Amino acid sequence: MNRSAVAVVGLFFSGMASAGGSPSGPILPHFDLNNFHAPLRIDNWLSPMPVGRHAIFHELEDGECKVNDVVVTDATKQDFVGDYAGLSARPVTDQVWADPQCNGERGLLLEDTTDWYGQDDRGNVWYFGEDTTEYTYDGNGNPTGSSKEGSWEAGRMNAKAGIVMLAKPIPGAFYRQEFQLGVAEDNARVDRVDVVVATGLGRFRGCTVTRETTPLSPGDVEFKSYCPNLGLVLVKSPTVNGGAVAVDLGLH
């Protein structure tokens, strides 16, 4: 990260530290409840989450098609503990369905997740955890089991919240999105800003692209494109020969 990026990013966090003591590690956001006077108002210009929004993505991963439904609920999560006690966060449901014919039809439910988000007073969007269930099936489509692997909650089991979108992204800014050792360790780096992104929904200007990685799966990478007043519109993942594209942003 260059000096200008360090200086400006420092304005967004009341505390900073390097992961593992390495200068090249991600900024570790410092949570302070006093910086969250209206956490349920998530109106970040690159990641808006208005109540009732239902966005739909079509995914491709190693030749398999999926449909992803993301819904911003009107619920509130308020039972956080530890440093996060007293926080209110917005639950957002995220369901992934098999799409065997790659035509947008929903087949078997593969994942059912509720994520918890909130926005601080500076406009950064924070991620406070997820309750996720992954389902498995046999060759005939009969359920064979489920797993809660990957679930975590800030304040429990030494887990800490992170930031999923900065109020003012700057190229090179490298920050933690989540943290529970061995469970949730996603990081993001701002790759480019003010770029044009084209999808089937249109041509969007002023977008920001982030590069997301995790030490839990070395070598895997996702490039996510966020566009003004729209949010996430495109995901490219060279490591899984696919990604995701928004086919309905749910902002009617």
C-alpha atoms as a PDB file:
ATOM      1  CA  MET A   1       0.000   0.000   0.000  1.00  0.00           C
ATOM      2  CA  ASN A   2       1.415   3.405  -0.899  1.00  0.00           C
ATOM      3  CA  ARG A   3       1.766   6.263   1.586  1.00  0.00           C
ATOM      4  CA  SER A   4      -1.283   8.157   0.338  1.00  0.00           C
ATOM      5  CA  ALA A   5      -3.445   5.050   0.691  1.00  0.00           C
ATOM      6  CA  VAL A   6      -2.207   4.488   4.237  1.00  0.00           C
ATOM      7  CA  ALA A   7      -2.920   8.091   5.184  1.00  0.00           C
ATOM      8  CA  VAL A   8      -6.461   8.151   3.861  1.00  0.00           C
ATOM      9  CA  VAL A   9      -7.430   4.684   5.038  1.00  0.00           C
ATOM     10  CA  GLY A  10      -6.319   5.746   8.493  1.00  0.00           C
ATOM     11  CA  LEU A  11      -9.231   8.177   8.512  1.00  0.00           C
ATOM     12  CA  PHE A  12     -11.714   5.322   8.315  1.00  0.00           C
ATOM     13  CA  PHE A  13     -10.487   3.242  11.229  1.00  0.00           C
ATOM     14  CA  SER A  14     -10.036   4.392  14.802  1.00  0.00           C
ATOM     15  CA  GLY A  15      -7.382   1.693  15.220  1.00  0.00           C
ATOM     16  CA  MET A  16      -5.142  -0.269  12.883  1.00  0.00           C
ATOM     17  CA  ALA A  17      -2.901  -3.340  13.141  1.00  0.00           C
ATOM     18  CA  SER A  18      -1.093  -5.634  10.733  1.00  0.00           C
ATOM     19  CA  ALA A  19      -2.158  -9.257  10.473  1.00  0.00           C
ATOM     20  CA  GLY A  20       0.477 -11.429  12.100  1.00  0.00           C
ATOM     21  CA  GLY A  21       2.672  -8.370  12.626  1.00  0.00           C
ATOM     22  CA  SER A  22       3.464  -8.245   8.909  1.00  0.00           C
ATOM     23  CA  PRO A  23       3.504  -4.778   7.274  1.00  0.00           C
ATOM     24  CA  SER A  24       1.943  -6.352   4.195  1.00  0.00           C
ATOM     25  CA  GLY A  25      -0.998  -7.811   6.126  1.00  0.00           C
ATOM     26  CA  PRO A  26      -4.526  -6.410   6.005  1.00  0.00           C
ATOM     27  CA  ILE A  27      -5.720  -3.526   8.122  1.00  0.00           C
ATOM     28  CA  LEU A  28      -7.660  -4.931  11.051  1.00  0.00           C
ATOM     29  CA  PRO A  29     -10.709  -2.692  11.577  1.00  0.00           C
ATOM     30  CA  HIS A  30     -11.196  -1.540  15.148  1.00  0.00           C
ATOM     31  CA  PHE A  31     -14.833  -1.834  16.278  1.00  0.00           C
ATOM     32  CA  ASP A  32     -16.264   0.841  18.563  1.00  0.00           C
ATOM     33  CA  LEU A  33     -19.993   0.781  19.307  1.00  0.00           C
ATOM     34  CA  ASN A  34     -19.919   4.565  19.690  1.00  0.00           C
ATOM     35  CA  ASN A  35     -19.339   4.815  15.931  1.00  0.00           C
ATOM     36  CA  PHE A  36     -22.656   3.094  15.151  1.00  0.00           C
ATOM     37  CA  HIS A  37     -25.536   5.498  15.760  1.00  0.00           C
ATOM     38  CA  ALA A  38     -27.677   4.250  12.846  1.00  0.00           C
ATOM     39  CA  PRO A  39     -26.199   0.879  11.815  1.00  0.00           C
ATOM     40  CA  LEU A  40     -29.364  -0.326  10.087  1.00  0.00           C
ATOM     41  CA  ARG A  41     -29.258   2.516   7.555  1.00  0.00           C
ATOM     42  CA  ILE A  42     -26.992   0.921   4.971  1.00  0.00           C
ATOM     43  CA  ASP A  43     -26.782   3.431   2.157  1.00  0.00           C
ATOM     44  CA  ASN A  44     -23.107   3.199   1.202  1.00  0.00           C
ATOM     45  CA  TRP A  45     -22.951   4.404  -2.423  1.00  0.00           C
ATOM     46  CA  LEU A  46     -21.248   1.183  -3.571  1.00  0.00           C
ATOM     47  CA  SER A  47     -23.093  -1.293  -1.346  1.00  0.00           C
ATOM     48  CA  PRO A  48     -26.640  -0.093  -0.594  1.00  0.00           C
ATOM     49  CA  MET A  49     -28.901  -2.491   1.304  1.00  0.00           C
ATOM     50  CA  PRO A  50     -32.430  -1.070   1.372  1.00  0.00           C
ATOM     51  CA  VAL A  51     -34.996  -3.188   3.206  1.00  0.00           C
ATOM     52  CA  GLY A  52     -36.897  -5.484   0.852  1.00  0.00           C
ATOM     53  CA  ARG A  53     -34.274  -5.587  -1.854  1.00  0.00           C
ATOM     54  CA  HIS A  54     -34.166  -8.953  -3.670  1.00  0.00           C
ATOM     55  CA  ALA A  55     -31.157  -9.343  -5.937  1.00  0.00           C
ATOM     56  CA  ILE A  56     -30.641 -12.396  -8.149  1.00  0.00           C
ATOM     57  CA  PHE A  57     -27.289 -13.663  -9.416  1.00  0.00           C
ATOM     58  CA  HIS A  58     -26.473 -16.424 -11.872  1.00  0.00           C
ATOM     59  CA  GLU A  59     -23.306 -18.272 -10.888  1.00  0.00           C
ATOM     60  CA  LEU A  60     -20.898 -20.599 -12.660  1.00  0.00           C
ATOM     61  CA  GLU A  61     -18.374 -22.645 -10.705  1.00  0.00           C
ATOM     62  CA  ASP A  62     -16.242 -25.314 -12.370  1.00  0.00           C
ATOM     63  CA  GLY A  63     -18.910 -25.932 -14.999  1.00  0.00           C
ATOM     64  CA  GLU A  64     -21.872 -26.027 -12.585  1.00  0.00           C
ATOM     65  CA  CYS A  65     -24.591 -23.371 -12.790  1.00  0.00           C
ATOM     66  CA  LYS A  66     -26.330 -21.975  -9.730  1.00  0.00           C
ATOM     67  CA  VAL A  67     -28.903 -19.313  -8.860  1.00  0.00           C
ATOM     68  CA  ASN A  68     -28.231 -17.032  -5.906  1.00  0.00           C
ATOM     69  CA  ASP A  69     -31.062 -15.102  -4.196  1.00  0.00           C
ATOM     70  CA  VAL A  70     -30.061 -12.268  -1.837  1.00  0.00           C
ATOM     71  CA  VAL A  71     -32.806 -10.584   0.215  1.00  0.00           C
ATOM     72  CA  VAL A  72     -32.405  -7.644   2.614  1.00  0.00           C
ATOM     73  CA  THR A  73     -34.854  -8.407   5.405  1.00  0.00           C
ATOM     74  CA  ASP A  74     -36.675  -5.973   7.686  1.00  0.00           C
ATOM     75  CA  ALA A  75     -35.481  -7.920  10.736  1.00  0.00           C
ATOM     76  CA  THR A  76     -32.898  -6.812  13.298  1.00  0.00           C
ATOM     77  CA  LYS A  77     -30.251  -8.850  15.091  1.00  0.00           C
ATOM     78  CA  GLN A  78     -29.564  -7.491  18.582  1.00  0.00           C
ATOM     79  CA  ASP A  79     -28.249 -10.417  20.630  1.00  0.00           C
ATOM     80  CA  PHE A  80     -24.529  -9.851  20.100  1.00  0.00           C
ATOM     81  CA  VAL A  81     -22.192 -10.398  23.039  1.00  0.00           C
ATOM     82  CA  GLY A  82     -18.802  -9.168  24.228  1.00  0.00           C
ATOM     83  CA  ASP A  83     -17.520  -6.008  22.547  1.00  0.00           C
ATOM     84  CA  TYR A  84     -20.540  -6.093  20.218  1.00  0.00           C
ATOM     85  CA  ALA A  85     -23.244  -6.162  22.910  1.00  0.00           C
ATOM     86  CA  GLY A  86     -25.779  -3.424  22.209  1.00  0.00           C
ATOM     87  CA  LEU A  87     -25.226  -3.479  18.444  1.00  0.00           C
ATOM     88  CA  SER A  88     -28.104  -3.734  15.968  1.00  0.00           C
ATOM     89  CA  ALA A  89     -27.371  -5.381  12.623  1.00  0.00           C
ATOM     90  CA  ARG A  90     -29.381  -6.078   9.482  1.00  0.00           C
ATOM     91  CA  PRO A  91     -29.934  -9.747   8.539  1.00  0.00           C
ATOM     92  CA  VAL A  92     -29.602 -10.463   4.816  1.00  0.00           C
ATOM     93  CA  THR A  93     -30.599 -13.903   3.558  1.00  0.00           C
ATOM     94  CA  ASP A  94     -28.528 -15.576   0.845  1.00  0.00           C
ATOM     95  CA  GLN A  95     -29.763 -18.800  -0.749  1.00  0.00           C
ATOM     96  CA  VAL A  96     -27.912 -20.748  -3.435  1.00  0.00           C
ATOM     97  CA  TRP A  97     -29.831 -23.167  -5.652  1.00  0.00           C
ATOM     98  CA  ALA A  98     -28.616 -25.725  -8.184  1.00  0.00           C
ATOM     99  CA  ASP A  99     -29.428 -24.825 -11.797  1.00  0.00           C
ATOM    100  CA  PRO A 100     -28.773 -28.093 -13.693  1.00  0.00           C
ATOM    101  CA  GLN A 101     -29.921 -26.782 -17.085  1.00  0.00           C
ATOM    102  CA  CYS A 102     -28.157 -23.406 -16.709  1.00  0.00           C
ATOM    103  CA  ASN A 103     -31.421 -21.648 -17.561  1.00  0.00           C
ATOM    104  CA  GLY A 104     -32.040 -19.805 -14.304  1.00  0.00           C
ATOM    105  CA  GLU A 105     -34.363 -22.424 -12.829  1.00  0.00           C
ATOM    106  CA  ARG A 106     -33.977 -23.226  -9.127  1.00  0.00           C
ATOM    107  CA  GLY A 107     -33.402 -26.882  -8.342  1.00  0.00           C
ATOM    108  CA  LEU A 108     -32.025 -28.285  -5.095  1.00  0.00           C
ATOM    109  CA  LEU A 109     -31.190 -25.857  -2.296  1.00  0.00           C
ATOM    110  CA  LEU A 110     -27.410 -25.994  -1.825  1.00  0.00           C
ATOM    111  CA  GLU A 111     -26.793 -23.273   0.756  1.00  0.00           C
ATOM    112  CA  ASP A 112     -29.003 -21.267   3.095  1.00  0.00           C
ATOM    113  CA  THR A 113     -27.269 -18.365   4.837  1.00  0.00           C
ATOM    114  CA  THR A 114     -28.174 -15.340   6.909  1.00  0.00           C
ATOM    115  CA  ASP A 115     -25.476 -12.637   6.979  1.00  0.00           C
ATOM    116  CA  TRP A 116     -25.418  -9.690   9.401  1.00  0.00           C
ATOM    117  CA  TYR A 117     -24.412  -6.218   8.224  1.00  0.00           C
ATOM    118  CA  GLY A 118     -24.289  -2.704   9.637  1.00  0.00           C
ATOM    119  CA  GLN A 119     -22.953   0.690   8.616  1.00  0.00           C
ATOM    120  CA  ASP A 120     -20.834   2.942  10.800  1.00  0.00           C
ATOM    121  CA  ASP A 121     -21.133   6.712  11.040  1.00  0.00           C
ATOM    122  CA  ARG A 122     -18.443   7.227   8.385  1.00  0.00           C
ATOM    123  CA  GLY A 123     -20.285   5.098   5.837  1.00  0.00           C
ATOM    124  CA  ASN A 124     -18.202   1.900   5.980  1.00  0.00           C
ATOM    125  CA  VAL A 125     -20.282  -1.296   5.679  1.00  0.00           C
ATOM    126  CA  TRP A 126     -19.341  -3.867   8.321  1.00  0.00           C
ATOM    127  CA  TYR A 127     -19.822  -7.633   8.360  1.00  0.00           C
ATOM    128  CA  PHE A 128     -20.728  -9.175  11.729  1.00  0.00           C
ATOM    129  CA  GLY A 129     -21.024 -12.846  10.848  1.00  0.00           C
ATOM    130  CA  GLU A 130     -23.176 -15.474   9.242  1.00  0.00           C
ATOM    131  CA  ASP A 131     -25.349 -18.442  10.083  1.00  0.00           C
ATOM    132  CA  THR A 132     -24.872 -20.785   7.138  1.00  0.00           C
ATOM    133  CA  THR A 133     -26.023 -24.294   6.274  1.00  0.00           C
ATOM    134  CA  GLU A 134     -24.735 -26.283   3.297  1.00  0.00           C
ATOM    135  CA  TYR A 135     -26.790 -29.246   2.065  1.00  0.00           C
ATOM    136  CA  THR A 136     -25.577 -32.399   0.294  1.00  0.00           C
ATOM    137  CA  TYR A 137     -27.542 -34.881  -1.818  1.00  0.00           C
ATOM    138  CA  ASP A 138     -27.041 -38.267  -3.431  1.00  0.00           C
ATOM    139  CA  GLY A 139     -27.214 -38.912  -7.179  1.00  0.00           C
ATOM    140  CA  ASN A 140     -31.003 -39.126  -7.022  1.00  0.00           C
ATOM    141  CA  GLY A 141     -31.374 -35.790  -5.278  1.00  0.00           C
ATOM    142  CA  ASN A 142     -32.118 -37.241  -1.849  1.00  0.00           C
ATOM    143  CA  PRO A 143     -30.684 -35.331   1.147  1.00  0.00           C
ATOM    144  CA  THR A 144     -27.599 -36.951   2.643  1.00  0.00           C
ATOM    145  CA  GLY A 145     -26.567 -34.364   5.206  1.00  0.00           C
ATOM    146  CA  SER A 146     -25.838 -30.774   6.065  1.00  0.00           C
ATOM    147  CA  SER A 147     -22.996 -28.723   7.496  1.00  0.00           C
ATOM    148  CA  LYS A 148     -22.753 -25.472   9.478  1.00  0.00           C
ATOM    149  CA  GLU A 149     -19.073 -25.087   8.599  1.00  0.00           C
ATOM    150  CA  GLY A 150     -18.182 -21.442   8.027  1.00  0.00           C
ATOM    151  CA  SER A 151     -20.721 -20.039  10.481  1.00  0.00           C
ATOM    152  CA  TRP A 152     -19.371 -17.399  12.840  1.00  0.00           C
ATOM    153  CA  GLU A 153     -20.532 -14.410  14.879  1.00  0.00           C
ATOM    154  CA  ALA A 154     -18.565 -11.374  15.999  1.00  0.00           C
ATOM    155  CA  GLY A 155     -18.022 -11.464  19.749  1.00  0.00           C
ATOM    156  CA  ARG A 156     -18.265 -15.249  20.062  1.00  0.00           C
ATOM    157  CA  MET A 157     -15.357 -17.723  19.984  1.00  0.00           C
ATOM    158  CA  ASN A 158     -12.879 -14.830  19.558  1.00  0.00           C
ATOM    159  CA  ALA A 159     -14.467 -13.814  16.232  1.00  0.00           C
ATOM    160  CA  LYS A 160     -14.134 -10.205  15.079  1.00  0.00           C
ATOM    161  CA  ALA A 161     -16.125  -8.160  12.606  1.00  0.00           C
ATOM    162  CA  GLY A 162     -14.644  -6.763   9.432  1.00  0.00           C
ATOM    163  CA  ILE A 163     -15.487  -4.341   6.643  1.00  0.00           C
ATOM    164  CA  VAL A 164     -16.992  -5.423   3.321  1.00  0.00           C
ATOM    165  CA  MET A 165     -17.064  -1.988   1.672  1.00  0.00           C
ATOM    166  CA  LEU A 166     -15.195   1.190   2.530  1.00  0.00           C
ATOM    167  CA  ALA A 167     -16.915   4.539   2.473  1.00  0.00           C
ATOM    168  CA  LYS A 168     -14.191   5.818   0.157  1.00  0.00           C
ATOM    169  CA  PRO A 169     -12.267   2.999  -1.537  1.00  0.00           C
ATOM    170  CA  ILE A 170      -8.689   3.829  -2.491  1.00  0.00           C
ATOM    171  CA  PRO A 171      -6.560   1.610  -4.781  1.00  0.00           C
ATOM    172  CA  GLY A 172      -4.272  -0.568  -2.697  1.00  0.00           C
ATOM    173  CA  ALA A 173      -6.279  -0.390   0.513  1.00  0.00           C
ATOM    174  CA  PHE A 174      -6.072  -3.879   2.054  1.00  0.00           C
ATOM    175  CA  TYR A 175      -8.469  -4.753   4.858  1.00  0.00           C
ATOM    176  CA  ARG A 176      -9.963  -7.647   6.781  1.00  0.00           C
ATOM    177  CA  GLN A 177     -13.584  -8.537   6.018  1.00  0.00           C
ATOM    178  CA  GLU A 178     -14.081 -11.121   8.767  1.00  0.00           C
ATOM    179  CA  PHE A 179     -12.077 -13.062  11.302  1.00  0.00           C
ATOM    180  CA  GLN A 180     -12.409 -16.261  13.257  1.00  0.00           C
ATOM    181  CA  LEU A 181      -9.219 -18.274  13.132  1.00  0.00           C
ATOM    182  CA  GLY A 182      -9.587 -21.276  10.849  1.00  0.00           C
ATOM    183  CA  VAL A 183     -13.233 -20.473  10.112  1.00  0.00           C
ATOM    184  CA  ALA A 184     -13.579 -17.024   8.557  1.00  0.00           C
ATOM    185  CA  GLU A 185     -10.515 -15.162   7.283  1.00  0.00           C
ATOM    186  CA  ASP A 186     -11.558 -13.277   4.129  1.00  0.00           C
ATOM    187  CA  ASN A 187      -9.578 -10.192   3.119  1.00  0.00           C
ATOM    188  CA  ALA A 188     -10.129  -7.617   0.369  1.00  0.00           C
ATOM    189  CA  ARG A 189      -7.844  -5.263  -1.504  1.00  0.00           C
ATOM    190  CA  VAL A 190      -9.152  -2.372  -3.589  1.00  0.00           C
ATOM    191  CA  ASP A 191      -7.904  -3.259  -7.048  1.00  0.00           C
ATOM    192  CA  ARG A 192      -9.302  -0.439  -9.199  1.00  0.00           C
ATOM    193  CA  VAL A 193     -11.689   2.489  -8.893  1.00  0.00           C
ATOM    194  CA  ASP A 194     -13.674   4.570 -11.375  1.00  0.00           C
ATOM    195  CA  VAL A 195     -13.914   1.756 -13.917  1.00  0.00           C
ATOM    196  CA  VAL A 196     -16.626   0.838 -16.435  1.00  0.00           C
ATOM    197  CA  VAL A 197     -18.365  -2.505 -15.926  1.00  0.00           C
ATOM    198  CA  ALA A 198     -20.675  -4.004 -18.549  1.00  0.00           C
ATOM    199  CA  THR A 199     -23.197  -6.790 -17.886  1.00  0.00           C
ATOM    200  CA  GLY A 200     -26.493  -7.849 -19.403  1.00  0.00           C
ATOM    201  CA  LEU A 201     -28.164  -5.220 -17.219  1.00  0.00           C
ATOM    202  CA  GLY A 202     -26.222  -2.362 -18.773  1.00  0.00           C
ATOM    203  CA  ARG A 203     -22.992  -0.412 -18.801  1.00  0.00           C
ATOM    204  CA  PHE A 204     -22.067   1.112 -15.466  1.00  0.00           C
ATOM    205  CA  ARG A 205     -19.502   3.835 -14.760  1.00  0.00           C
ATOM    206  CA  GLY A 206     -17.609   4.812 -11.638  1.00  0.00           C
ATOM    207  CA  CYS A 207     -17.376   1.245 -10.336  1.00  0.00           C
ATOM    208  CA  THR A 208     -14.880  -0.156  -7.842  1.00  0.00           C
ATOM    209  CA  VAL A 209     -13.246  -3.581  -8.188  1.00  0.00           C
ATOM    210  CA  THR A 210     -11.975  -5.468  -5.147  1.00  0.00           C
ATOM    211  CA  ARG A 211      -9.679  -8.491  -5.067  1.00  0.00           C
ATOM    212  CA  GLU A 212     -10.752 -10.942  -2.366  1.00  0.00           C
ATOM    213  CA  THR A 213      -8.658 -13.771  -0.930  1.00  0.00           C
ATOM    214  CA  THR A 214      -8.430 -15.971   2.156  1.00  0.00           C
ATOM    215  CA  PRO A 215      -5.477 -17.784   3.737  1.00  0.00           C
ATOM    216  CA  LEU A 216      -7.869 -20.710   4.323  1.00  0.00           C
ATOM    217  CA  SER A 217      -7.797 -21.396   0.577  1.00  0.00           C
ATOM    218  CA  PRO A 218      -4.451 -20.128  -0.737  1.00  0.00           C
ATOM    219  CA  GLY A 219      -4.458 -19.272  -4.411  1.00  0.00           C
ATOM    220  CA  ASP A 220      -8.212 -18.737  -4.691  1.00  0.00           C
ATOM    221  CA  VAL A 221      -9.209 -15.229  -5.723  1.00  0.00           C
ATOM    222  CA  GLU A 222     -12.386 -13.333  -6.602  1.00  0.00           C
ATOM    223  CA  PHE A 223     -12.646  -9.971  -8.322  1.00  0.00           C
ATOM    224  CA  LYS A 224     -15.873  -8.225  -7.320  1.00  0.00           C
ATOM    225  CA  SER A 225     -17.279  -5.190  -9.138  1.00  0.00           C
ATOM    226  CA  TYR A 226     -19.392  -2.726  -7.145  1.00  0.00           C
ATOM    227  CA  CYS A 227     -21.164   0.108  -8.971  1.00  0.00           C
ATOM    228  CA  PRO A 228     -22.642   3.404  -7.708  1.00  0.00           C
ATOM    229  CA  ASN A 229     -26.134   3.115  -6.209  1.00  0.00           C
ATOM    230  CA  LEU A 230     -26.306  -0.531  -7.336  1.00  0.00           C
ATOM    231  CA  GLY A 231     -23.853  -2.527  -5.265  1.00  0.00           C
ATOM    232  CA  LEU A 232     -22.336  -5.811  -6.395  1.00  0.00           C
ATOM    233  CA  VAL A 233     -22.979  -6.486 -10.085  1.00  0.00           C
ATOM    234  CA  LEU A 234     -20.244  -8.901 -11.160  1.00  0.00           C
ATOM    235  CA  VAL A 235     -17.883 -11.509  -9.684  1.00  0.00           C
ATOM    236  CA  LYS A 236     -15.019 -13.079 -11.628  1.00  0.00           C
ATOM    237  CA  SER A 237     -13.058 -15.996 -10.248  1.00  0.00           C
ATOM    238  CA  PRO A 238     -10.243 -17.344 -12.427  1.00  0.00           C
ATOM    239  CA  THR A 239      -9.500 -20.066  -9.896  1.00  0.00           C
ATOM    240  CA  VAL A 240     -12.910 -21.755 -10.273  1.00  0.00           C
ATOM    241  CA  ASN A 241     -13.372 -20.952 -13.967  1.00  0.00           C
ATOM    242  CA  GLY A 242     -16.445 -18.889 -13.305  1.00  0.00           C
ATOM    243  CA  GLY A 243     -18.030 -16.245 -11.131  1.00  0.00           C
ATOM    244  CA  ALA A 244     -21.415 -14.575 -10.813  1.00  0.00           C
ATOM    245  CA  VAL A 245     -23.403 -11.886 -12.580  1.00  0.00           C
ATOM    246  CA  ALA A 246     -26.418  -9.975 -11.329  1.00  0.00           C
ATOM    247  CA  VAL A 247     -29.484 -10.579 -13.488  1.00  0.00           C
ATOM    248  CA  ASP A 248     -31.821  -8.585 -11.234  1.00  0.00           C
ATOM    249  CA  LEU A 249     -30.512  -6.006  -8.752  1.00  0.00           C
ATOM    250  CA  GLY A 250     -33.800  -5.760  -6.897  1.00  0.00           C
ATOM    251  CA  LEU A 251     -33.890  -1.967  -6.974  1.00  0.00           C
ATOM    252  CA  HIS A 252     -37.164  -1.556  -8.864  1.00  0.00           C
END
